[in-house]
Structure formats: C-alpha cells, structure tokens
C-alpha atoms as a PDB file:
ATOM      1  CA  MET A   1     102.193 134.839 147.616  1.00  0.00           C
ATOM      2  CA  LEU A   2     104.423 133.641 144.789  1.00  0.00           C
ATOM      3  CA  PRO A   3     105.707 136.272 142.363  1.00  0.00           C
ATOM      4  CA  ALA A   4     103.816 136.433 139.075  1.00  0.00           C
ATOM      5  CA  ARG A   5     106.866 135.199 137.124  1.00  0.00           C
ATOM      6  CA  MET A   6     107.140 132.074 139.319  1.00  0.00           C
ATOM      7  CA  LEU A   7     103.429 131.384 138.920  1.00  0.00           C
ATOM      8  CA  TRP A   8     103.751 131.721 135.140  1.00  0.00           C
ATOM      9  CA  LEU A   9     106.752 129.353 135.070  1.00  0.00           C
ATOM     10  CA  ALA A  10     104.902 126.817 137.211  1.00  0.00           C
ATOM     11  CA  TRP A  11     101.861 126.987 134.912  1.00  0.00           C
ATOM     12  CA  PHE A  12     104.077 126.606 131.825  1.00  0.00           C
ATOM     13  CA  ALA A  13     105.822 123.547 133.296  1.00  0.00           C
ATOM     14  CA  VAL A  14     102.494 121.859 134.034  1.00  0.00           C
ATOM     15  CA  ALA A  15     101.106 122.718 130.615  1.00  0.00           C
ATOM     16  CA  TYR A  16     104.235 121.469 128.822  1.00  0.00           C
ATOM     17  CA  THR A  17     104.322 118.235 130.804  1.00  0.00           C
ATOM     18  CA  THR A  18     100.638 117.633 130.072  1.00  0.00           C
ATOM     19  CA  ALA A  19     101.107 118.303 126.354  1.00  0.00           C
ATOM     20  CA  VAL A  20     104.061 115.902 126.153  1.00  0.00           C
ATOM     21  CA  ALA A  21     102.143 113.262 128.078  1.00  0.00           C
ATOM     22  CA  ASP A  22      99.176 113.630 125.737  1.00  0.00           C
ATOM     23  CA  GLU A  23     101.432 113.266 122.689  1.00  0.00           C
ATOM     24  CA  THR A  24     103.221 110.186 123.976  1.00  0.00           C
ATOM     25  CA  SER A  25     100.079 108.474 125.242  1.00  0.00           C
ATOM     26  CA  THR A  26      98.277 108.880 121.921  1.00  0.00           C
ATOM     27  CA  TYR A  27     101.127 108.023 119.535  1.00  0.00           C
ATOM     28  CA  ARG A  28     100.256 105.117 117.263  1.00  0.00           C
ATOM     29  CA  GLY A  29     102.726 103.876 114.669  1.00  0.00           C
ATOM     30  CA  ARG A  30     102.671 100.873 112.373  1.00  0.00           C
ATOM     31  CA  LEU A  31     104.711  98.260 110.586  1.00  0.00           C
ATOM     32  CA  ALA A  32     103.069  97.301 107.303  1.00  0.00           C
ATOM     33  CA  PRO A  33     105.052  94.670 105.362  1.00  0.00           C
ATOM     34  CA  SER A  34     103.725  92.661 102.422  1.00  0.00           C
ATOM     35  CA  PRO A  35     104.222  88.862 102.391  1.00  0.00           C
ATOM     36  CA  THR A  36     105.481  88.718  98.821  1.00  0.00           C
ATOM     37  CA  GLY A  37     109.052  87.700  99.673  1.00  0.00           C
ATOM     38  CA  TYR A  38     111.530  87.683 102.536  1.00  0.00           C
ATOM     39  CA  LEU A  39     112.218  91.035 104.186  1.00  0.00           C
ATOM     40  CA  HIS A  40     115.617  92.538 103.389  1.00  0.00           C
ATOM     41  CA  THR A  41     117.814  94.822 105.466  1.00  0.00           C
ATOM     42  CA  GLY A  42     116.278  97.922 103.882  1.00  0.00           C
ATOM     43  CA  HIS A  43     112.833  96.943 105.132  1.00  0.00           C
ATOM     44  CA  ALA A  44     114.334  96.066 108.492  1.00  0.00           C
ATOM     45  CA  ARG A  45     116.002  99.457 108.878  1.00  0.00           C
ATOM     46  CA  THR A  46     112.758 101.322 108.174  1.00  0.00           C
ATOM     47  CA  PHE A  47     110.794  99.074 110.545  1.00  0.00           C
ATOM     48  CA  TRP A  48     113.441  99.520 113.239  1.00  0.00           C
ATOM     49  CA  ILE A  49     113.116 103.305 112.961  1.00  0.00           C
ATOM     50  CA  ALA A  50     109.323 102.991 113.220  1.00  0.00           C
ATOM     51  CA  HIS A  51     109.744 100.763 116.263  1.00  0.00           C
ATOM     52  CA  GLU A  52     112.129 103.196 117.951  1.00  0.00           C
ATOM     53  CA  ARG A  53     109.939 106.225 117.258  1.00  0.00           C
ATOM     54  CA  ALA A  54     106.992 104.476 118.893  1.00  0.00           C
ATOM     55  CA  ARG A  55     109.111 103.292 121.824  1.00  0.00           C
ATOM     56  CA  GLU A  56     110.645 106.720 122.464  1.00  0.00           C
ATOM     57  CA  ARG A  57     107.154 108.231 122.631  1.00  0.00           C
ATOM     58  CA  GLY A  58     105.701 105.545 124.854  1.00  0.00           C
ATOM     59  CA  GLY A  59     103.218 104.788 122.100  1.00  0.00           C
ATOM     60  CA  VAL A  60     101.587 101.786 120.487  1.00  0.00           C
ATOM     61  CA  LEU A  61     103.033  99.989 117.481  1.00  0.00           C
ATOM     62  CA  VAL A  62     100.689  98.104 115.150  1.00  0.00           C
ATOM     63  CA  PHE A  63     101.765  95.242 112.870  1.00  0.00           C
ATOM     64  CA  ARG A  64      99.579  95.076 109.745  1.00  0.00           C
ATOM     65  CA  ASP A  65      99.954  92.291 107.185  1.00  0.00           C
ATOM     66  CA  GLU A  66      99.418  93.960 103.791  1.00  0.00           C
ATOM     67  CA  ASP A  67      98.578  90.760 101.935  1.00  0.00           C
ATOM     68  CA  LEU A  68      96.322  92.322  99.285  1.00  0.00           C
ATOM     69  CA  ASP A  69      98.044  90.748  96.286  1.00  0.00           C
ATOM     70  CA  PRO A  70      96.513  87.250  95.939  1.00  0.00           C
ATOM     71  CA  GLN A  71      98.991  86.204  93.250  1.00  0.00           C
ATOM     72  CA  ARG A  72     102.188  87.055  95.151  1.00  0.00           C
ATOM     73  CA  SER A  73     101.262  86.832  98.852  1.00  0.00           C
ATOM     74  CA  ARG A  74     102.248  83.523 100.439  1.00  0.00           C
ATOM     75  CA  PRO A  75     101.663  82.224 103.971  1.00  0.00           C
ATOM     76  CA  GLU A  76     105.307  81.201 104.430  1.00  0.00           C
ATOM     77  CA  PHE A  77     106.377  84.788 103.792  1.00  0.00           C
ATOM     78  CA  ALA A  78     103.744  86.049 106.243  1.00  0.00           C
ATOM     79  CA  SER A  79     105.124  83.764 108.956  1.00  0.00           C
ATOM     80  CA  ALA A  80     108.697  84.742 108.113  1.00  0.00           C
ATOM     81  CA  MET A  81     107.931  88.471 108.436  1.00  0.00           C
ATOM     82  CA  ILE A  82     106.861  88.041 112.036  1.00  0.00           C
ATOM     83  CA  GLU A  83     109.620  85.570 112.934  1.00  0.00           C
ATOM     84  CA  ASP A  84     112.401  87.636 111.385  1.00  0.00           C
ATOM     85  CA  LEU A  85     111.305  90.960 112.893  1.00  0.00           C
ATOM     86  CA  ARG A  86     110.917  89.371 116.328  1.00  0.00           C
ATOM     87  CA  TRP A  87     114.429  87.917 115.936  1.00  0.00           C
ATOM     88  CA  LEU A  88     115.733  91.382 115.044  1.00  0.00           C
ATOM     89  CA  GLY A  89     114.378  92.691 118.342  1.00  0.00           C
ATOM     90  CA  LEU A  90     111.139  94.391 117.335  1.00  0.00           C
ATOM     91  CA  ASP A  91     107.919  94.040 119.244  1.00  0.00           C
ATOM     92  CA  TRP A  92     104.421  95.402 118.728  1.00  0.00           C
ATOM     93  CA  GLN A  93     101.286  95.713 120.803  1.00  0.00           C
ATOM     94  CA  GLU A  94      98.698  94.943 118.117  1.00  0.00           C
ATOM     95  CA  GLY A  95      98.801  92.628 115.130  1.00  0.00           C
ATOM     96  CA  PRO A  96      97.638  89.354 113.593  1.00  0.00           C
ATOM     97  CA  ASP A  97      99.687  87.333 116.085  1.00  0.00           C
ATOM     98  CA  VAL A  98      98.663  89.247 119.223  1.00  0.00           C
ATOM     99  CA  GLY A  99      95.211  90.647 118.392  1.00  0.00           C
ATOM    100  CA  GLY A 100      93.996  94.091 119.357  1.00  0.00           C
ATOM    101  CA  PRO A 101      90.999  96.434 119.290  1.00  0.00           C
ATOM    102  CA  PHE A 102      91.149  97.096 115.529  1.00  0.00           C
ATOM    103  CA  ALA A 103      91.337  93.521 114.279  1.00  0.00           C
ATOM    104  CA  PRO A 104      91.581  91.983 111.775  1.00  0.00           C
ATOM    105  CA  TYR A 105      95.152  93.033 111.046  1.00  0.00           C
ATOM    106  CA  ARG A 106      95.421  91.233 107.698  1.00  0.00           C
ATOM    107  CA  GLN A 107      94.260  93.284 104.740  1.00  0.00           C
ATOM    108  CA  SER A 108      92.856  90.214 102.996  1.00  0.00           C
ATOM    109  CA  GLU A 109      90.308  90.053 105.845  1.00  0.00           C
ATOM    110  CA  ARG A 110      89.284  93.722 105.636  1.00  0.00           C
ATOM    111  CA  ARG A 111      87.519  93.791 102.263  1.00  0.00           C
ATOM    112  CA  GLY A 112      84.322  95.200 103.759  1.00  0.00           C
ATOM    113  CA  HIS A 113      86.144  98.329 104.913  1.00  0.00           C
ATOM    114  CA  TYR A 114      87.514  98.961 101.429  1.00  0.00           C
ATOM    115  CA  LEU A 115      84.176  98.347  99.721  1.00  0.00           C
ATOM    116  CA  LYS A 116      82.547 100.920 101.978  1.00  0.00           C
ATOM    117  CA  ALA A 117      85.176 103.492 100.971  1.00  0.00           C
ATOM    118  CA  TRP A 118      84.818 102.569  97.268  1.00  0.00           C
ATOM    119  CA  ARG A 119      81.065 103.113  97.450  1.00  0.00           C
ATOM    120  CA  GLN A 120      81.558 106.497  99.104  1.00  0.00           C
ATOM    121  CA  LEU A 121      84.009 107.608  96.418  1.00  0.00           C
ATOM    122  CA  LEU A 122      81.645 106.391  93.698  1.00  0.00           C
ATOM    123  CA  ARG A 123      78.657 108.131  95.227  1.00  0.00           C
ATOM    124  CA  THR A 124      80.510 111.433  95.555  1.00  0.00           C
ATOM    125  CA  GLY A 125      81.916 111.340  92.020  1.00  0.00           C
ATOM    126  CA  TRP A 126      85.604 111.021  92.838  1.00  0.00           C
ATOM    127  CA  ILE A 127      86.221 107.820  90.876  1.00  0.00           C
ATOM    128  CA  TYR A 128      85.438 106.519  87.399  1.00  0.00           C
ATOM    129  CA  PRO A 129      85.853 103.201  85.540  1.00  0.00           C
ATOM    130  CA  CYS A 130      88.882 102.773  83.301  1.00  0.00           C
ATOM    131  CA  GLN A 131      89.305 100.083  80.648  1.00  0.00           C
ATOM    132  CA  CYS A 132      92.795 101.046  79.489  1.00  0.00           C
ATOM    133  CA  SER A 133      95.308  98.217  79.322  1.00  0.00           C
ATOM    134  CA  ARG A 134      98.929  98.395  80.455  1.00  0.00           C
ATOM    135  CA  LYS A 135      99.933  98.572  76.798  1.00  0.00           C
ATOM    136  CA  ASP A 136      97.569 101.508  76.229  1.00  0.00           C
ATOM    137  CA  LEU A 137      99.087 103.365  79.167  1.00  0.00           C
ATOM    138  CA  ALA A 138     102.679 102.668  78.147  1.00  0.00           C
ATOM    139  CA  SER A 139     102.096 104.113  74.687  1.00  0.00           C
ATOM    140  CA  ALA A 140     100.091 107.119  75.891  1.00  0.00           C
ATOM    141  CA  ALA A 141     102.108 108.240  78.950  1.00  0.00           C
ATOM    142  CA  LEU A 142     102.119 112.018  79.177  1.00  0.00           C
ATOM    143  CA  ALA A 143     105.646 112.391  80.492  1.00  0.00           C
ATOM    144  CA  PRO A 144     108.730 110.441  81.578  1.00  0.00           C
ATOM    145  CA  HIS A 145     108.216 108.922  84.987  1.00  0.00           C
ATOM    146  CA  ASP A 146     110.200 107.483  87.861  1.00  0.00           C
ATOM    147  CA  VAL A 147     110.772 103.755  87.436  1.00  0.00           C
ATOM    148  CA  ASP A 148     109.351 103.269  90.950  1.00  0.00           C
ATOM    149  CA  ASP A 149     106.171 105.125  90.105  1.00  0.00           C
ATOM    150  CA  GLU A 150     103.363 104.785  87.588  1.00  0.00           C
ATOM    151  CA  PRO A 151     103.146 106.977  84.465  1.00  0.00           C
ATOM    152  CA  VAL A 152     100.824 109.986  84.538  1.00  0.00           C
ATOM    153  CA  TYR A 153      97.464 108.794  83.278  1.00  0.00           C
ATOM    154  CA  PRO A 154      96.445 110.643  80.051  1.00  0.00           C
ATOM    155  CA  GLY A 155      92.756 110.833  81.003  1.00  0.00           C
ATOM    156  CA  THR A 156      91.449 108.540  78.248  1.00  0.00           C
ATOM    157  CA  CYS A 157      88.459 107.295  80.272  1.00  0.00           C
ATOM    158  CA  ARG A 158      88.030 110.339  82.490  1.00  0.00           C
ATOM    159  CA  THR A 159      84.887 111.647  80.805  1.00  0.00           C
ATOM    160  CA  ARG A 160      83.046 108.337  80.775  1.00  0.00           C
ATOM    161  CA  ARG A 161      79.578 108.591  82.280  1.00  0.00           C
ATOM    162  CA  LEU A 162      77.927 105.885  84.330  1.00  0.00           C
ATOM    163  CA  GLU A 163      74.317 105.095  83.451  1.00  0.00           C
ATOM    164  CA  ALA A 164      73.889 103.460  86.843  1.00  0.00           C
ATOM    165  CA  HIS A 165      76.112 102.828  89.815  1.00  0.00           C
ATOM    166  CA  PRO A 166      77.455  99.246  89.766  1.00  0.00           C
ATOM    167  CA  LEU A 167      76.971  97.022  92.782  1.00  0.00           C
ATOM    168  CA  THR A 168      80.585  95.803  92.764  1.00  0.00           C
ATOM    169  CA  PRO A 169      83.875  97.233  91.455  1.00  0.00           C
ATOM    170  CA  ALA A 170      84.958  94.047  89.619  1.00  0.00           C
ATOM    171  CA  GLY A 171      85.734  93.996  85.896  1.00  0.00           C
ATOM    172  CA  VAL A 172      87.381  97.396  85.369  1.00  0.00           C
ATOM    173  CA  ASN A 173      90.011  99.546  86.995  1.00  0.00           C
ATOM    174  CA  TRP A 174      88.608 102.396  89.092  1.00  0.00           C
ATOM    175  CA  ARG A 175      90.597 105.608  89.039  1.00  0.00           C
ATOM    176  CA  PHE A 176      90.558 108.571  91.404  1.00  0.00           C
ATOM    177  CA  ARG A 177      90.040 111.886  89.615  1.00  0.00           C
ATOM    178  CA  VAL A 178      92.808 114.215  90.837  1.00  0.00           C
ATOM    179  CA  PRO A 179      92.340 118.002  90.917  1.00  0.00           C
ATOM    180  CA  ASP A 180      94.590 118.966  87.989  1.00  0.00           C
ATOM    181  CA  GLY A 181      96.992 121.769  88.818  1.00  0.00           C
ATOM    182  CA  GLU A 182      96.539 121.665  92.579  1.00  0.00           C
ATOM    183  CA  VAL A 183      99.738 121.443  94.615  1.00  0.00           C
ATOM    184  CA  ILE A 184      99.516 118.858  97.379  1.00  0.00           C
ATOM    185  CA  GLY A 185     101.978 119.750 100.095  1.00  0.00           C
ATOM    186  CA  PHE A 186     102.923 118.225 103.431  1.00  0.00           C
ATOM    187  CA  ASP A 187     105.660 118.583 106.017  1.00  0.00           C
ATOM    188  CA  ASP A 188     107.572 115.328 106.329  1.00  0.00           C
ATOM    189  CA  GLY A 189     109.266 114.568 109.632  1.00  0.00           C
ATOM    190  CA  LEU A 190     112.593 113.782 107.964  1.00  0.00           C
ATOM    191  CA  GLN A 191     112.467 115.032 104.368  1.00  0.00           C
ATOM    192  CA  GLY A 192     110.983 118.437 105.224  1.00  0.00           C
ATOM    193  CA  ASN A 193     108.511 120.321 103.044  1.00  0.00           C
ATOM    194  CA  CYS A 194     107.302 118.237 100.093  1.00  0.00           C
ATOM    195  CA  ALA A 195     104.949 119.282  97.298  1.00  0.00           C
ATOM    196  CA  TYR A 196     103.567 117.554  94.204  1.00  0.00           C
ATOM    197  CA  ARG A 197     101.363 118.992  91.490  1.00  0.00           C
ATOM    198  CA  ALA A 198      98.355 116.880  90.574  1.00  0.00           C
ATOM    199  CA  GLY A 199      98.158 116.193  86.857  1.00  0.00           C
ATOM    200  CA  ARG A 200     101.898 116.787  86.376  1.00  0.00           C
ATOM    201  CA  ASP A 201     103.747 114.822  89.043  1.00  0.00           C
ATOM    202  CA  PHE A 202     101.022 112.196  89.270  1.00  0.00           C
ATOM    203  CA  GLY A 203      97.752 111.593  87.497  1.00  0.00           C
ATOM    204  CA  ASP A 204      94.453 109.834  88.088  1.00  0.00           C
ATOM    205  CA  PHE A 205      95.430 106.723  90.018  1.00  0.00           C
ATOM    206  CA  ILE A 206      93.856 103.314  90.550  1.00  0.00           C
ATOM    207  CA  VAL A 207      91.954 102.648  93.765  1.00  0.00           C
ATOM    208  CA  TRP A 208      90.422  99.313  92.736  1.00  0.00           C
ATOM    209  CA  ARG A 209      91.838  96.829  90.230  1.00  0.00           C
ATOM    210  CA  ARG A 210      89.946  95.055  87.469  1.00  0.00           C
ATOM    211  CA  ASP A 211      90.681  91.692  89.143  1.00  0.00           C
ATOM    212  CA  ASP A 212      88.535  92.877  92.069  1.00  0.00           C
ATOM    213  CA  VAL A 213      91.416  93.709  94.426  1.00  0.00           C
ATOM    214  CA  PRO A 214      91.555  97.066  96.240  1.00  0.00           C
ATOM    215  CA  ALA A 215      94.679  99.022  95.371  1.00  0.00           C
ATOM    216  CA  TYR A 216      97.410  99.905  97.843  1.00  0.00           C
ATOM    217  CA  GLN A 217      96.531 103.605  97.915  1.00  0.00           C
ATOM    218  CA  LEU A 218      92.956 103.026  99.044  1.00  0.00           C
ATOM    219  CA  ALA A 219      93.676 100.202 101.467  1.00  0.00           C
ATOM    220  CA  VAL A 220      96.382 102.004 103.450  1.00  0.00           C
ATOM    221  CA  VAL A 221      94.325 105.188 103.759  1.00  0.00           C
ATOM    222  CA  VAL A 222      91.312 103.264 105.043  1.00  0.00           C
ATOM    223  CA  ASP A 223      93.360 101.132 107.429  1.00  0.00           C
ATOM    224  CA  ASP A 224      95.519 103.931 108.830  1.00  0.00           C
ATOM    225  CA  ALA A 225      92.373 105.869 109.711  1.00  0.00           C
ATOM    226  CA  ALA A 226      90.509 102.846 111.083  1.00  0.00           C
ATOM    227  CA  MET A 227      93.482 101.849 113.244  1.00  0.00           C
ATOM    228  CA  GLN A 228      93.991 105.455 114.394  1.00  0.00           C
ATOM    229  CA  ILE A 229      97.590 105.643 113.187  1.00  0.00           C
ATOM    230  CA  THR A 230      99.115 109.005 114.096  1.00  0.00           C
ATOM    231  CA  GLU A 231     102.449 108.685 112.264  1.00  0.00           C
ATOM    232  CA  VAL A 232     103.391 106.698 109.159  1.00  0.00           C
ATOM    233  CA  VAL A 233     107.077 105.738 108.961  1.00  0.00           C
ATOM    234  CA  ARG A 234     108.133 104.273 105.603  1.00  0.00           C
ATOM    235  CA  GLY A 235     110.653 104.592 102.772  1.00  0.00           C
ATOM    236  CA  CYS A 236     111.088 107.799 100.795  1.00  0.00           C
ATOM    237  CA  ASP A 237     110.183 105.964  97.581  1.00  0.00           C
ATOM    238  CA  LEU A 238     106.583 106.502  98.759  1.00  0.00           C
ATOM    239  CA  LEU A 239     106.760 110.291  99.058  1.00  0.00           C
ATOM    240  CA  ARG A 240     104.731 110.824  95.895  1.00  0.00           C
ATOM    241  CA  SER A 241     102.144 108.311  97.088  1.00  0.00           C
ATOM    242  CA  THR A 242     101.619 110.478 100.150  1.00  0.00           C
ATOM    243  CA  ALA A 243     100.149 113.205  97.927  1.00  0.00           C
ATOM    244  CA  ARG A 244      97.713 110.680  96.467  1.00  0.00           C
ATOM    245  CA  GLN A 245      96.770 109.467  99.911  1.00  0.00           C
ATOM    246  CA  ILE A 246      96.159 112.994 101.184  1.00  0.00           C
ATOM    247  CA  LEU A 247      93.646 113.459  98.359  1.00  0.00           C
ATOM    248  CA  LEU A 248      91.904 110.219  99.317  1.00  0.00           C
ATOM    249  CA  GLN A 249      91.809 111.233 102.974  1.00  0.00           C
ATOM    250  CA  ARG A 250      90.210 114.513 101.984  1.00  0.00           C
ATOM    251  CA  ALA A 251      87.642 112.845  99.729  1.00  0.00           C
ATOM    252  CA  LEU A 252      86.706 110.304 102.402  1.00  0.00           C
ATOM    253  CA  GLY A 253      86.689 112.799 105.276  1.00  0.00           C
ATOM    254  CA  LEU A 254      89.474 110.959 107.107  1.00  0.00           C
ATOM    255  CA  PRO A 255      92.248 112.434 109.292  1.00  0.00           C
ATOM    256  CA  ALA A 256      95.772 112.634 107.898  1.00  0.00           C
ATOM    257  CA  PRO A 257      98.583 111.161 110.027  1.00  0.00           C
ATOM    258  CA  ASP A 258     102.033 112.671 110.270  1.00  0.00           C
ATOM    259  CA  TYR A 259     104.620 111.265 107.861  1.00  0.00           C
ATOM    260  CA  TYR A 260     108.262 110.306 108.309  1.00  0.00           C
ATOM    261  CA  HIS A 261     109.921 108.998 105.140  1.00  0.00           C
ATOM    262  CA  CYS A 262     113.252 107.260 105.699  1.00  0.00           C
ATOM    263  CA  ASN A 263     116.149 107.293 103.284  1.00  0.00           C
ATOM    264  CA  LEU A 264     116.550 104.061 101.334  1.00  0.00           C
ATOM    265  CA  VAL A 265     119.247 101.437 101.754  1.00  0.00           C
ATOM    266  CA  LEU A 266     121.170 101.032  98.483  1.00  0.00           C
ATOM    267  CA  ASP A 267     123.206  98.147  97.120  1.00  0.00           C
ATOM    268  CA  GLU A 268     126.795  98.344  95.848  1.00  0.00           C
ATOM    269  CA  ASN A 269     125.533  99.678  92.502  1.00  0.00           C
ATOM    270  CA  GLY A 270     123.537 102.488  94.084  1.00  0.00           C
ATOM    271  CA  GLN A 271     120.207 100.764  93.471  1.00  0.00           C
ATOM    272  CA  ARG A 272     117.629 100.486  96.215  1.00  0.00           C
ATOM    273  CA  LEU A 273     117.259  97.058  97.762  1.00  0.00           C
ATOM    274  CA  ALA A 274     114.363  94.896  96.640  1.00  0.00           C
ATOM    275  CA  LYS A 275     113.094  91.465  97.602  1.00  0.00           C
ATOM    276  CA  ARG A 276     115.099  90.033  94.723  1.00  0.00           C
ATOM    277  CA  HIS A 277     118.232  90.702  96.828  1.00  0.00           C
ATOM    278  CA  ASP A 278     117.898  87.299  98.508  1.00  0.00           C
ATOM    279  CA  SER A 279     121.414  87.369  99.938  1.00  0.00           C
ATOM    280  CA  LEU A 280     120.505  90.461 101.973  1.00  0.00           C
ATOM    281  CA  SER A 281     117.239  89.115 103.334  1.00  0.00           C
ATOM    282  CA  LEU A 282     116.934  88.773 107.094  1.00  0.00           C
ATOM    283  CA  ARG A 283     116.234  85.080 106.619  1.00  0.00           C
ATOM    284  CA  ALA A 284     119.452  84.503 104.642  1.00  0.00           C
ATOM    285  CA  LEU A 285     121.564  86.535 107.056  1.00  0.00           C
ATOM    286  CA  ARG A 286     120.174  84.556 109.990  1.00  0.00           C
ATOM    287  CA  GLN A 287     121.089  81.312 108.267  1.00  0.00           C
ATOM    288  CA  VAL A 288     124.745  82.309 107.835  1.00  0.00           C
ATOM    289  CA  GLY A 289     125.107  83.320 111.467  1.00  0.00           C
ATOM    290  CA  VAL A 290     124.736  87.110 111.359  1.00  0.00           C
ATOM    291  CA  ASN A 291     123.202  88.389 114.599  1.00  0.00           C
ATOM    292  CA  PRO A 292     120.740  91.290 115.103  1.00  0.00           C
ATOM    293  CA  ALA A 293     123.345  93.561 116.678  1.00  0.00           C
ATOM    294  CA  GLN A 294     125.582  93.241 113.616  1.00  0.00           C
ATOM    295  CA  ILE A 295     122.698  94.163 111.309  1.00  0.00           C
ATOM    296  CA  ARG A 296     121.718  97.182 113.388  1.00  0.00           C
ATOM    297  CA  ALA A 297     125.345  98.349 113.620  1.00  0.00           C
ATOM    298  CA  GLY A 298     125.546  98.467 109.852  1.00  0.00           C
ATOM    299  CA  TRP A 299     122.784 101.062 109.654  1.00  0.00           C
ATOM    300  CA  GLY A 300     124.736 103.746 111.499  1.00  0.00           C
ATOM    301  CA  LEU A 301     121.743 104.774 113.625  1.00  0.00           C
ATOM    302  CA  ALA A 302     123.269 106.297 116.746  1.00  0.00           C
ATOM    303  CA  GLY A 303     121.082 107.472 119.593  1.00  0.00           C
ATOM    304  CA  SER A 304     117.591 108.511 118.616  1.00  0.00           C
ATOM    305  CA  ALA A 305     116.389 106.850 115.424  1.00  0.00           C
ATOM    306  CA  VAL A 306     116.770 108.928 112.292  1.00  0.00           C
ATOM    307  CA  GLY A 307     116.244 108.058 108.660  1.00  0.00           C
END
C-alpha cells in the first residue's frame, strides 16, 4: 500500500492537471476591431497579446467585426483588418471570414440581440430616454473628465417617466441609470485591482443612440456573453468602460469575463496612437517594406505575452 503522503501527492497532481486542462480547453478570447480606419501598431500590439494569450492556453480566438457605426464603417477597412492581421501572423478559429457556432460575427448583423437586451433593460427600469444634446452636456458637465471618456452626465432627464413603453428605441438617446455612490471593482489581469465610483468617475451612460444605433457598451456586453468569451484583452483606455459593462452584465444577468487591459503604445509626443496616425498603420508599413518580425520586435514582448 502506498504511504498516505504519496497518495495525497498523486491525487493533487491529477486534480491540478485536470484543472489546468479545464481552463485551457474552455478559454475563449477575442479580437474586436472597428472598420473605421486602418489598424495601427498600437491595435496590432494589443491583438497580438490577445492572440498569444489564447494560443498559450490552447483556447479559441474569435474575430468580431465591430462595425456598429454606419457613418464611419467602410467595407475596405473591414477587408484590410483581416488582411493586415493575417499578414502580421495572427489567426483565429471563429470570425466573419471562417464562420463558427456563434455567427454572425459582424455587429451590424446582430441587431436582434441588442434589441432583446434593450427591451429587458427597459422592462426592468434600468434605462430611460434622454433628449439632451451634445451642447447641453458640454455646458452642464459635473466635473472635468478624461479626453478619452465622456463627461459625467448631470442627470437632467433621469426622472422622466414613460407613459408607455415604446416599441423601438429610435429618436432619443437611452441611458443606463447607474447606482450613484457604488464602487465597481474588478481585478484586472495586468493592471491589478481597479475601482470606479458610479456617479463620480462615470455617470449614466448611453446604451442606444438617437439615430437608432446600439452603443458600444451594450453591444460588447451582449456579444461577449453570447459568444462565451472568457477573457477580454484590450487597451487600458477602456478600464473605466469595464465598470460600466459590469453594471450592464449584472442588470442583464450575464456572466462577466476576466479582463486584461494592455498598456497603450504612445507616439513621440507621448500621445496614444489613433487611426489618424496613417504612417504607423499596418497597411502603410507593409507598403514601405516593413515585415511582421520587425513590427513585433519593436514591441519588446519577450517570452510570454505581457501588456
């Protein structure tokens, strides 16, 4: 008979191996670019980290085309996203070009999913119609705000009462009523413990726009849950949005994925890269003869992907 200590060690080894296998077999990450311009090296770095985290865990990577904005999304940019990321060396197991069990993978084709969530939020009292203009909000902002984030909404329309529930969301902005004073905290895989106070760090936010387009916050929450995403890898400029999305997940009864917010790539002036940096787009770098290995070497990501 084996000594008790050897039996315990054998049991622990089996249990640990099983737990690791379960984690790796169920990992689902995603790439979620918007076709509103050519991807730059900052996007590419974040997507490469997402790719490597999925690969290291033997998981599935989903490509989702976040083409919600009808004014700025263009088909040539959508094609370029896929071409440029494939050229860089990324691959994915589900997406608009390869299909998959959670199709469609273009947000413009998933309106029904968002409408269902909007109706649930309306029915449960979490959202209300807002008629404030951009000018109204700029003049009534409660506090200074990050240039990458929206001002804290002053609550002008918060007490409006609906005589009847509308059939469609078109015609007004629909805002989510945040629980003022509540601290929304989460443990980020790279940035550590993060916490934001509702009503101070962010206010009631838009989930559906007056031009009848679902807002980013609602769409990503619905899609991440529907596509069973287990970890969201993205830039740290979206840390505050994570608090908003946690509130939406709670209101809709959806699971929250893990989060891993990468540090941003900055230009020579210390400003984060944007799609206006055409000279640093993957497409432009390809055209002047830069190869994928040179781009990846410039990120300084040695060994396991970090942020």
